[in-house]
Amino acid sequence: MLPVQITIKNIPTSPALDTHIRKRAQKLKHFFHPISSCRIVVELPQKHKHQGKLYNVRIDVTVPGKELVATRKSDEDIYVAIREAFKVMERQLEEHGRKRHGRIKTHNDVMYGQVSRLLSTEGYGFIEGYDGNEYYFSMTNVSHPTFEQLTIGDEVEYMPEQQSEGLCANHVVKKKEAIES
């Protein structure tokens, strides 16, 4: 059984919420083994300018030789925030397992992240990669849908490239499940 520590801040807790988080946490061992510990913080920040409630989730997982951290900020649905934070952690655990076993991604491998900033009038934006890096992309790098149809928070896949200006994302595509829903 994976040791799990759950902290709920500024939110009324419930057995259903606790059970949901624990079930998601136990599934992490399918992505990497062994996991020494898993700490989850779900919070509703005290001061927020938004009219509705915006939940933040942080997951800290300890594996041999490394501490992995996944965060999801500002979701209006607590269960969406939890799900998305766990998706990020699952990808990090898979990547850690690949690196540990010598299966390093090549530059041709597809990577995943979320659109973190869009400067629509200038025709470019940034992706927060699930590897923790930020990637620049321009409207010409977007394959599907169009640049104008992307929104902040969209989950995307892309081909990373190191250029003299920094990390760039090519062939940016919005994830299919996000397009279909």
N, C-alpha and C. Protein backbone atom coordinates (compact mmCIF):
# COMPACT_ATOMS: atom_id res chain seq x y z
N MET A 1 0.84 -1.18 0.00
CA MET A 1 0.00 0.00 0.00
C MET A 1 0.89 1.25 0.00
N LEU A 2 0.61 2.16 -0.89
CA LEU A 2 1.36 3.40 -1.01
C LEU A 2 1.03 4.33 0.15
N PRO A 3 2.06 4.81 0.89
CA PRO A 3 1.77 5.76 1.97
C PRO A 3 1.32 7.11 1.40
N VAL A 4 0.13 7.54 1.79
CA VAL A 4 -0.46 8.76 1.24
C VAL A 4 -0.80 9.71 2.39
N GLN A 5 -0.39 10.96 2.23
CA GLN A 5 -0.74 12.01 3.20
C GLN A 5 -1.56 13.05 2.46
N ILE A 6 -2.76 13.32 2.93
CA ILE A 6 -3.66 14.29 2.28
C ILE A 6 -3.87 15.47 3.22
N THR A 7 -3.70 16.67 2.67
CA THR A 7 -3.97 17.90 3.42
C THR A 7 -5.01 18.69 2.65
N ILE A 8 -6.09 19.04 3.32
CA ILE A 8 -7.16 19.84 2.73
C ILE A 8 -7.15 21.19 3.45
N LYS A 9 -7.04 22.27 2.68
CA LYS A 9 -6.97 23.61 3.28
C LYS A 9 -8.14 24.47 2.81
N ASN A 10 -8.85 25.05 3.76
CA ASN A 10 -9.93 26.01 3.50
C ASN A 10 -11.10 25.40 2.73
N ILE A 11 -11.27 24.09 2.83
CA ILE A 11 -12.36 23.39 2.13
C ILE A 11 -12.97 22.41 3.14
N PRO A 12 -14.29 22.33 3.20
CA PRO A 12 -14.88 21.29 4.05
C PRO A 12 -14.53 19.91 3.48
N THR A 13 -13.98 19.06 4.30
CA THR A 13 -13.58 17.73 3.83
C THR A 13 -14.76 16.77 3.91
N SER A 14 -14.67 15.71 3.13
CA SER A 14 -15.72 14.70 3.14
C SER A 14 -15.07 13.34 2.91
N PRO A 15 -15.70 12.28 3.38
CA PRO A 15 -15.16 10.94 3.13
C PRO A 15 -15.07 10.64 1.63
N ALA A 16 -16.01 11.14 0.84
CA ALA A 16 -16.00 10.89 -0.61
C ALA A 16 -14.77 11.54 -1.26
N LEU A 17 -14.44 12.76 -0.86
CA LEU A 17 -13.27 13.44 -1.41
C LEU A 17 -12.00 12.71 -1.01
N ASP A 18 -11.89 12.34 0.25
CA ASP A 18 -10.73 11.61 0.75
C ASP A 18 -10.55 10.29 0.00
N THR A 19 -11.63 9.54 -0.16
CA THR A 19 -11.58 8.26 -0.88
C THR A 19 -11.17 8.45 -2.33
N HIS A 20 -11.72 9.47 -2.98
CA HIS A 20 -11.39 9.75 -4.38
C HIS A 20 -9.89 10.02 -4.53
N ILE A 21 -9.34 10.85 -3.66
CA ILE A 21 -7.92 11.19 -3.73
C ILE A 21 -7.06 9.95 -3.46
N ARG A 22 -7.41 9.16 -2.46
CA ARG A 22 -6.63 7.96 -2.13
C ARG A 22 -6.64 6.95 -3.28
N LYS A 23 -7.78 6.78 -3.93
CA LYS A 23 -7.84 5.85 -5.07
C LYS A 23 -6.93 6.31 -6.20
N ARG A 24 -6.97 7.62 -6.50
CA ARG A 24 -6.09 8.16 -7.55
C ARG A 24 -4.63 7.97 -7.18
N ALA A 25 -4.30 8.20 -5.91
CA ALA A 25 -2.92 8.07 -5.45
C ALA A 25 -2.44 6.62 -5.57
N GLN A 26 -3.28 5.67 -5.23
CA GLN A 26 -2.87 4.26 -5.30
C GLN A 26 -2.57 3.83 -6.73
N LYS A 27 -3.20 4.47 -7.71
CA LYS A 27 -2.96 4.12 -9.12
C LYS A 27 -1.58 4.58 -9.59
N LEU A 28 -0.95 5.50 -8.86
CA LEU A 28 0.36 6.00 -9.28
C LEU A 28 1.41 4.89 -9.35
N LYS A 29 1.27 3.87 -8.50
CA LYS A 29 2.27 2.79 -8.49
C LYS A 29 2.28 2.00 -9.80
N HIS A 30 1.25 2.16 -10.62
CA HIS A 30 1.23 1.51 -11.94
C HIS A 30 2.13 2.24 -12.93
N PHE A 31 2.49 3.48 -12.63
CA PHE A 31 3.32 4.28 -13.53
C PHE A 31 4.79 4.23 -13.16
N PHE A 32 5.10 3.94 -11.89
CA PHE A 32 6.49 3.80 -11.45
C PHE A 32 6.49 3.08 -10.11
N HIS A 33 7.48 2.20 -9.94
CA HIS A 33 7.62 1.49 -8.67
C HIS A 33 9.10 1.39 -8.35
N PRO A 34 9.55 1.67 -7.15
CA PRO A 34 8.79 1.96 -5.95
C PRO A 34 8.58 3.46 -5.74
N ILE A 35 7.49 3.79 -5.09
CA ILE A 35 7.20 5.15 -4.64
C ILE A 35 7.28 5.13 -3.12
N SER A 36 8.13 6.00 -2.56
CA SER A 36 8.33 6.02 -1.11
C SER A 36 7.20 6.73 -0.38
N SER A 37 6.73 7.85 -0.95
CA SER A 37 5.66 8.60 -0.29
C SER A 37 4.91 9.44 -1.31
N CYS A 38 3.71 9.82 -0.93
CA CYS A 38 2.86 10.66 -1.77
C CYS A 38 2.12 11.63 -0.86
N ARG A 39 2.35 12.93 -1.10
CA ARG A 39 1.69 13.96 -0.32
C ARG A 39 0.84 14.81 -1.26
N ILE A 40 -0.42 14.99 -0.90
CA ILE A 40 -1.34 15.75 -1.73
C ILE A 40 -1.92 16.89 -0.90
N VAL A 41 -1.88 18.09 -1.48
CA VAL A 41 -2.49 19.26 -0.84
C VAL A 41 -3.56 19.79 -1.79
N VAL A 42 -4.79 19.88 -1.29
CA VAL A 42 -5.90 20.46 -2.05
C VAL A 42 -6.32 21.70 -1.27
N GLU A 43 -6.34 22.84 -1.95
CA GLU A 43 -6.66 24.06 -1.21
C GLU A 43 -7.52 25.01 -2.02
N LEU A 44 -8.19 25.83 -1.27
CA LEU A 44 -8.93 26.96 -1.82
C LEU A 44 -8.23 28.19 -1.26
N PRO A 45 -7.44 28.89 -2.09
CA PRO A 45 -6.70 30.05 -1.57
C PRO A 45 -7.65 31.05 -0.90
N GLN A 46 -7.18 31.64 0.18
CA GLN A 46 -8.00 32.57 0.96
C GLN A 46 -8.41 33.79 0.16
N LYS A 47 -7.45 34.40 -0.50
CA LYS A 47 -7.73 35.64 -1.22
C LYS A 47 -7.65 35.38 -2.72
N HIS A 48 -8.77 35.53 -3.38
CA HIS A 48 -8.80 35.38 -4.83
C HIS A 48 -9.73 36.44 -5.40
N LYS A 49 -9.35 36.95 -6.56
CA LYS A 49 -10.11 38.02 -7.20
C LYS A 49 -11.30 37.47 -7.99
N HIS A 50 -11.24 36.20 -8.34
CA HIS A 50 -12.27 35.55 -9.14
C HIS A 50 -13.55 35.42 -8.32
N GLN A 51 -14.68 35.55 -8.96
CA GLN A 51 -15.98 35.46 -8.28
C GLN A 51 -16.22 34.07 -7.70
N GLY A 52 -15.90 33.02 -8.47
CA GLY A 52 -16.14 31.66 -8.02
C GLY A 52 -14.96 31.11 -7.25
N LYS A 53 -15.08 29.86 -6.84
CA LYS A 53 -14.01 29.20 -6.11
C LYS A 53 -13.03 28.60 -7.12
N LEU A 54 -11.75 28.82 -6.88
CA LEU A 54 -10.70 28.27 -7.74
C LEU A 54 -9.80 27.40 -6.88
N TYR A 55 -9.79 26.10 -7.15
CA TYR A 55 -9.05 25.14 -6.35
C TYR A 55 -7.65 24.91 -6.90
N ASN A 56 -6.70 24.72 -6.00
CA ASN A 56 -5.32 24.38 -6.35
C ASN A 56 -5.01 23.01 -5.79
N VAL A 57 -4.24 22.22 -6.55
CA VAL A 57 -3.82 20.89 -6.10
C VAL A 57 -2.32 20.77 -6.33
N ARG A 58 -1.63 20.24 -5.33
CA ARG A 58 -0.20 19.97 -5.44
C ARG A 58 0.04 18.54 -4.98
N ILE A 59 0.81 17.80 -5.79
CA ILE A 59 1.15 16.42 -5.46
C ILE A 59 2.67 16.32 -5.41
N ASP A 60 3.19 15.85 -4.28
CA ASP A 60 4.63 15.60 -4.12
C ASP A 60 4.82 14.10 -3.97
N VAL A 61 5.63 13.52 -4.85
CA VAL A 61 5.89 12.09 -4.81
C VAL A 61 7.39 11.88 -4.66
N THR A 62 7.77 11.03 -3.71
CA THR A 62 9.17 10.69 -3.50
C THR A 62 9.44 9.32 -4.10
N VAL A 63 10.41 9.28 -5.02
CA VAL A 63 10.88 8.04 -5.62
C VAL A 63 12.38 7.96 -5.35
N PRO A 64 13.01 6.81 -5.50
CA PRO A 64 14.44 6.73 -5.22
C PRO A 64 15.24 7.79 -5.98
N GLY A 65 15.90 8.65 -5.23
CA GLY A 65 16.78 9.65 -5.82
C GLY A 65 16.11 10.89 -6.35
N LYS A 66 14.80 11.04 -6.18
CA LYS A 66 14.14 12.20 -6.77
C LYS A 66 12.83 12.52 -6.05
N GLU A 67 12.51 13.81 -6.06
CA GLU A 67 11.22 14.31 -5.56
C GLU A 67 10.50 14.90 -6.77
N LEU A 68 9.33 14.38 -7.10
CA LEU A 68 8.55 14.88 -8.23
C LEU A 68 7.39 15.72 -7.69
N VAL A 69 7.10 16.82 -8.40
CA VAL A 69 6.04 17.73 -7.97
C VAL A 69 5.13 18.03 -9.15
N ALA A 70 3.83 17.92 -8.94
CA ALA A 70 2.84 18.28 -9.96
C ALA A 70 1.85 19.24 -9.32
N THR A 71 1.51 20.29 -10.05
CA THR A 71 0.54 21.25 -9.54
C THR A 71 -0.53 21.51 -10.58
N ARG A 72 -1.68 21.84 -10.08
CA ARG A 72 -2.78 22.29 -10.93
C ARG A 72 -3.41 23.47 -10.21
N LYS A 73 -3.43 24.61 -10.86
CA LYS A 73 -3.93 25.82 -10.21
C LYS A 73 -5.18 26.33 -10.89
N SER A 74 -6.05 26.86 -10.09
CA SER A 74 -7.20 27.65 -10.53
C SER A 74 -8.23 26.90 -11.35
N ASP A 75 -8.64 25.74 -10.86
CA ASP A 75 -9.77 25.04 -11.48
C ASP A 75 -11.02 25.31 -10.65
N GLU A 76 -12.14 25.53 -11.32
CA GLU A 76 -13.40 25.78 -10.62
C GLU A 76 -14.02 24.51 -10.06
N ASP A 77 -13.68 23.37 -10.63
CA ASP A 77 -14.19 22.08 -10.17
C ASP A 77 -13.07 21.35 -9.44
N ILE A 78 -13.30 21.03 -8.18
CA ILE A 78 -12.26 20.41 -7.36
C ILE A 78 -11.83 19.06 -7.94
N TYR A 79 -12.77 18.31 -8.51
CA TYR A 79 -12.44 17.00 -9.06
C TYR A 79 -11.64 17.12 -10.35
N VAL A 80 -11.89 18.15 -11.14
CA VAL A 80 -11.10 18.41 -12.34
C VAL A 80 -9.67 18.77 -11.94
N ALA A 81 -9.53 19.62 -10.94
CA ALA A 81 -8.20 20.01 -10.46
C ALA A 81 -7.41 18.79 -10.00
N ILE A 82 -8.07 17.90 -9.26
CA ILE A 82 -7.42 16.68 -8.78
C ILE A 82 -7.03 15.79 -9.95
N ARG A 83 -7.95 15.56 -10.87
CA ARG A 83 -7.67 14.71 -12.03
C ARG A 83 -6.50 15.23 -12.84
N GLU A 84 -6.50 16.53 -13.13
CA GLU A 84 -5.44 17.11 -13.96
C GLU A 84 -4.08 17.06 -13.25
N ALA A 85 -4.05 17.29 -11.95
CA ALA A 85 -2.79 17.20 -11.21
C ALA A 85 -2.26 15.77 -11.25
N PHE A 86 -3.14 14.79 -11.10
CA PHE A 86 -2.70 13.39 -11.16
C PHE A 86 -2.22 13.02 -12.57
N LYS A 87 -2.84 13.56 -13.61
CA LYS A 87 -2.37 13.30 -14.98
C LYS A 87 -0.94 13.79 -15.15
N VAL A 88 -0.67 14.98 -14.62
CA VAL A 88 0.69 15.54 -14.71
C VAL A 88 1.67 14.63 -13.97
N MET A 89 1.30 14.17 -12.77
CA MET A 89 2.18 13.31 -12.00
C MET A 89 2.39 11.97 -12.70
N GLU A 90 1.35 11.41 -13.29
CA GLU A 90 1.50 10.14 -14.01
C GLU A 90 2.52 10.27 -15.13
N ARG A 91 2.46 11.36 -15.87
CA ARG A 91 3.42 11.57 -16.96
C ARG A 91 4.84 11.74 -16.42
N GLN A 92 4.96 12.44 -15.31
CA GLN A 92 6.29 12.62 -14.71
C GLN A 92 6.87 11.28 -14.25
N LEU A 93 6.03 10.45 -13.65
CA LEU A 93 6.49 9.14 -13.21
C LEU A 93 6.91 8.26 -14.39
N GLU A 94 6.13 8.29 -15.48
CA GLU A 94 6.50 7.54 -16.68
C GLU A 94 7.85 8.02 -17.22
N GLU A 95 8.02 9.33 -17.29
CA GLU A 95 9.27 9.90 -17.80
C GLU A 95 10.44 9.53 -16.89
N HIS A 96 10.24 9.59 -15.59
CA HIS A 96 11.30 9.21 -14.65
C HIS A 96 11.68 7.75 -14.85
N GLY A 97 10.69 6.90 -15.05
CA GLY A 97 10.96 5.48 -15.30
C GLY A 97 11.74 5.26 -16.58
N ARG A 98 11.40 6.00 -17.63
CA ARG A 98 12.14 5.89 -18.90
C ARG A 98 13.60 6.29 -18.71
N LYS A 99 13.81 7.41 -18.03
CA LYS A 99 15.18 7.89 -17.81
C LYS A 99 15.96 6.91 -16.95
N ARG A 100 15.33 6.40 -15.93
CA ARG A 100 16.01 5.48 -15.01
C ARG A 100 16.41 4.19 -15.71
N HIS A 101 15.62 3.76 -16.67
CA HIS A 101 15.92 2.52 -17.38
C HIS A 101 16.63 2.77 -18.71
N GLY A 102 17.13 3.99 -18.90
CA GLY A 102 17.92 4.28 -20.09
C GLY A 102 17.13 4.50 -21.35
N ARG A 103 15.83 4.69 -21.24
CA ARG A 103 15.00 4.92 -22.43
C ARG A 103 14.71 6.42 -22.52
N ILE A 104 15.72 7.19 -22.88
CA ILE A 104 15.59 8.63 -22.97
C ILE A 104 14.87 8.99 -24.26
N LYS A 105 13.99 9.98 -24.17
CA LYS A 105 13.30 10.45 -25.37
C LYS A 105 14.28 11.12 -26.31
N THR A 106 14.07 10.91 -27.58
CA THR A 106 14.85 11.65 -28.57
C THR A 106 14.09 12.91 -28.92
N HIS A 107 14.74 13.81 -29.67
CA HIS A 107 14.07 15.08 -29.99
C HIS A 107 12.86 14.87 -30.90
N ASN A 108 12.72 13.69 -31.49
CA ASN A 108 11.58 13.43 -32.37
C ASN A 108 10.35 12.93 -31.61
N ASP A 109 10.49 12.68 -30.32
CA ASP A 109 9.36 12.19 -29.55
C ASP A 109 8.38 13.31 -29.25
N VAL A 110 7.11 12.94 -29.25
CA VAL A 110 6.06 13.89 -28.92
C VAL A 110 6.09 14.13 -27.41
N MET A 111 5.90 15.39 -27.02
CA MET A 111 5.80 15.74 -25.61
C MET A 111 4.44 16.38 -25.36
N TYR A 112 4.09 16.51 -24.09
CA TYR A 112 2.78 17.01 -23.72
C TYR A 112 2.90 18.17 -22.73
N GLY A 113 1.92 19.05 -22.77
CA GLY A 113 1.88 20.18 -21.86
C GLY A 113 0.57 20.92 -21.99
N GLN A 114 0.52 22.10 -21.38
CA GLN A 114 -0.67 22.94 -21.43
C GLN A 114 -0.29 24.32 -21.91
N VAL A 115 -1.18 24.92 -22.68
CA VAL A 115 -0.97 26.30 -23.11
C VAL A 115 -1.05 27.16 -21.84
N SER A 116 0.05 27.88 -21.55
CA SER A 116 0.09 28.67 -20.32
C SER A 116 -0.11 30.16 -20.58
N ARG A 117 0.30 30.62 -21.77
CA ARG A 117 0.13 32.04 -22.12
C ARG A 117 -0.13 32.14 -23.61
N LEU A 118 -1.00 33.06 -24.00
CA LEU A 118 -1.27 33.34 -25.41
C LEU A 118 -1.23 34.85 -25.62
N LEU A 119 -0.44 35.28 -26.57
CA LEU A 119 -0.41 36.68 -26.96
C LEU A 119 -0.99 36.72 -28.37
N SER A 120 -2.32 36.69 -28.44
CA SER A 120 -3.04 36.52 -29.70
C SER A 120 -2.71 37.59 -30.72
N THR A 121 -2.63 38.84 -30.30
CA THR A 121 -2.38 39.91 -31.26
C THR A 121 -0.97 39.84 -31.83
N GLU A 122 -0.03 39.27 -31.06
CA GLU A 122 1.34 39.11 -31.56
C GLU A 122 1.54 37.79 -32.29
N GLY A 123 0.61 36.84 -32.13
CA GLY A 123 0.67 35.58 -32.85
C GLY A 123 1.62 34.55 -32.26
N TYR A 124 1.79 34.55 -30.95
CA TYR A 124 2.61 33.52 -30.32
C TYR A 124 2.12 33.23 -28.91
N GLY A 125 2.66 32.16 -28.33
CA GLY A 125 2.27 31.78 -26.99
C GLY A 125 3.32 30.89 -26.37
N PHE A 126 2.99 30.35 -25.19
CA PHE A 126 3.92 29.49 -24.46
C PHE A 126 3.18 28.28 -23.93
N ILE A 127 3.90 27.17 -23.90
CA ILE A 127 3.38 25.91 -23.37
C ILE A 127 4.18 25.58 -22.13
N GLU A 128 3.48 25.22 -21.05
CA GLU A 128 4.14 24.70 -19.87
C GLU A 128 4.20 23.19 -20.07
N GLY A 129 5.39 22.69 -20.38
CA GLY A 129 5.56 21.27 -20.63
C GLY A 129 5.44 20.46 -19.36
N TYR A 130 4.95 19.23 -19.46
CA TYR A 130 4.84 18.38 -18.29
C TYR A 130 6.21 17.95 -17.79
N ASP A 131 7.26 18.30 -18.55
CA ASP A 131 8.63 18.07 -18.09
C ASP A 131 9.13 19.22 -17.22
N GLY A 132 8.29 20.25 -17.03
CA GLY A 132 8.66 21.38 -16.19
C GLY A 132 9.25 22.56 -16.94
N ASN A 133 9.48 22.43 -18.25
CA ASN A 133 10.05 23.51 -19.05
C ASN A 133 8.96 24.31 -19.75
N GLU A 134 9.32 25.53 -20.13
CA GLU A 134 8.40 26.38 -20.89
C GLU A 134 8.87 26.42 -22.34
N TYR A 135 7.93 26.27 -23.28
CA TYR A 135 8.23 26.22 -24.71
C TYR A 135 7.50 27.34 -25.43
N TYR A 136 8.22 28.07 -26.25
CA TYR A 136 7.66 29.12 -27.09
C TYR A 136 7.07 28.48 -28.34
N PHE A 137 5.96 29.02 -28.85
CA PHE A 137 5.45 28.60 -30.16
C PHE A 137 4.79 29.80 -30.82
N SER A 138 4.85 29.81 -32.14
CA SER A 138 4.18 30.87 -32.90
C SER A 138 2.98 30.27 -33.62
N MET A 139 2.18 31.13 -34.20
CA MET A 139 0.97 30.66 -34.90
C MET A 139 1.33 29.70 -36.04
N THR A 140 2.53 29.84 -36.62
CA THR A 140 2.93 28.95 -37.72
C THR A 140 3.30 27.55 -37.22
N ASN A 141 3.51 27.39 -35.89
CA ASN A 141 3.84 26.08 -35.33
C ASN A 141 2.61 25.27 -34.96
N VAL A 142 1.42 25.85 -35.07
CA VAL A 142 0.19 25.17 -34.65
C VAL A 142 -0.37 24.39 -35.83
N SER A 143 -0.53 23.06 -35.64
CA SER A 143 -1.05 22.20 -36.70
C SER A 143 -2.56 22.07 -36.65
N HIS A 144 -3.13 21.84 -35.45
CA HIS A 144 -4.58 21.64 -35.33
C HIS A 144 -5.00 21.88 -33.91
N PRO A 145 -6.06 22.56 -33.63
CA PRO A 145 -6.82 23.41 -34.55
C PRO A 145 -5.99 24.63 -34.90
N THR A 146 -6.59 25.70 -35.31
CA THR A 146 -5.82 26.89 -35.65
C THR A 146 -5.35 27.59 -34.37
N PHE A 147 -4.37 28.46 -34.51
CA PHE A 147 -3.84 29.24 -33.39
C PHE A 147 -4.97 29.98 -32.68
N GLU A 148 -5.87 30.55 -33.46
CA GLU A 148 -6.97 31.34 -32.89
C GLU A 148 -7.93 30.50 -32.05
N GLN A 149 -7.96 29.19 -32.27
CA GLN A 149 -8.87 28.32 -31.53
C GLN A 149 -8.27 27.78 -30.23
N LEU A 150 -6.99 28.02 -30.00
CA LEU A 150 -6.36 27.58 -28.75
C LEU A 150 -6.74 28.53 -27.62
N THR A 151 -6.85 27.98 -26.42
CA THR A 151 -7.12 28.79 -25.23
C THR A 151 -6.15 28.38 -24.12
N ILE A 152 -5.97 29.27 -23.18
CA ILE A 152 -5.10 28.97 -22.04
C ILE A 152 -5.67 27.78 -21.29
N GLY A 153 -4.81 26.83 -20.97
CA GLY A 153 -5.23 25.62 -20.27
C GLY A 153 -5.44 24.43 -21.18
N ASP A 154 -5.49 24.66 -22.52
CA ASP A 154 -5.65 23.53 -23.44
C ASP A 154 -4.47 22.58 -23.31
N GLU A 155 -4.77 21.29 -23.29
CA GLU A 155 -3.72 20.28 -23.27
C GLU A 155 -3.29 20.04 -24.72
N VAL A 156 -1.98 20.08 -24.94
CA VAL A 156 -1.45 19.95 -26.30
C VAL A 156 -0.31 18.95 -26.33
N GLU A 157 -0.05 18.46 -27.54
CA GLU A 157 1.15 17.67 -27.78
C GLU A 157 1.98 18.44 -28.79
N TYR A 158 3.29 18.24 -28.74
CA TYR A 158 4.17 19.03 -29.59
C TYR A 158 5.52 18.33 -29.72
N MET A 159 6.30 18.78 -30.68
CA MET A 159 7.66 18.29 -30.89
C MET A 159 8.60 19.36 -30.35
N PRO A 160 9.36 19.06 -29.30
CA PRO A 160 10.26 20.06 -28.74
C PRO A 160 11.51 20.24 -29.60
N GLU A 161 12.05 21.45 -29.56
CA GLU A 161 13.27 21.74 -30.30
C GLU A 161 14.06 22.80 -29.54
N GLN A 162 15.36 22.59 -29.44
CA GLN A 162 16.24 23.58 -28.82
C GLN A 162 16.74 24.50 -29.93
N GLN A 163 16.44 25.78 -29.82
CA GLN A 163 16.94 26.76 -30.78
C GLN A 163 17.82 27.75 -30.04
N SER A 164 18.50 28.61 -30.77
CA SER A 164 19.41 29.57 -30.13
C SER A 164 18.67 30.49 -29.16
N GLU A 165 17.39 30.76 -29.43
CA GLU A 165 16.59 31.63 -28.56
C GLU A 165 16.06 30.89 -27.33
N GLY A 166 16.09 29.57 -27.34
CA GLY A 166 15.56 28.78 -26.23
C GLY A 166 14.73 27.61 -26.72
N LEU A 167 13.92 27.06 -25.84
CA LEU A 167 13.09 25.91 -26.17
C LEU A 167 11.87 26.34 -26.98
N CYS A 168 11.60 25.60 -28.05
CA CYS A 168 10.45 25.89 -28.92
C CYS A 168 9.61 24.64 -29.10
N ALA A 169 8.34 24.85 -29.38
CA ALA A 169 7.42 23.75 -29.66
C ALA A 169 7.00 23.83 -31.12
N ASN A 170 7.19 22.72 -31.84
CA ASN A 170 6.76 22.63 -33.23
C ASN A 170 5.61 21.64 -33.34
N HIS A 171 4.84 21.75 -34.40
CA HIS A 171 3.73 20.82 -34.68
C HIS A 171 2.80 20.71 -33.47
N VAL A 172 2.37 21.85 -32.94
CA VAL A 172 1.49 21.90 -31.77
C VAL A 172 0.09 21.44 -32.18
N VAL A 173 -0.43 20.45 -31.44
CA VAL A 173 -1.75 19.90 -31.72
C VAL A 173 -2.51 19.80 -30.40
N LYS A 174 -3.73 20.31 -30.39
CA LYS A 174 -4.58 20.17 -29.21
C LYS A 174 -4.93 18.70 -29.06
N LYS A 175 -4.86 18.18 -27.83
CA LYS A 175 -5.13 16.77 -27.60
C LYS A 175 -6.53 16.40 -28.07
N LYS A 176 -6.68 15.21 -28.65
CA LYS A 176 -7.95 14.78 -29.24
C LYS A 176 -9.10 14.76 -28.26
N GLU A 177 -8.88 14.22 -27.03
CA GLU A 177 -10.00 14.15 -26.10
C GLU A 177 -10.50 15.54 -25.74
N ALA A 178 -9.60 16.54 -25.77
CA ALA A 178 -10.03 17.91 -25.49
C ALA A 178 -10.83 18.47 -26.66
N ILE A 179 -10.48 18.08 -27.89
CA ILE A 179 -11.19 18.56 -29.08
C ILE A 179 -12.60 17.97 -29.14
N GLU A 180 -12.72 16.67 -28.81
CA GLU A 180 -13.99 15.97 -28.95
C GLU A 180 -15.01 16.36 -27.89
N SER A 181 -14.55 16.80 -26.71
CA SER A 181 -15.51 17.10 -25.63
C SER A 181 -16.12 18.46 -25.76
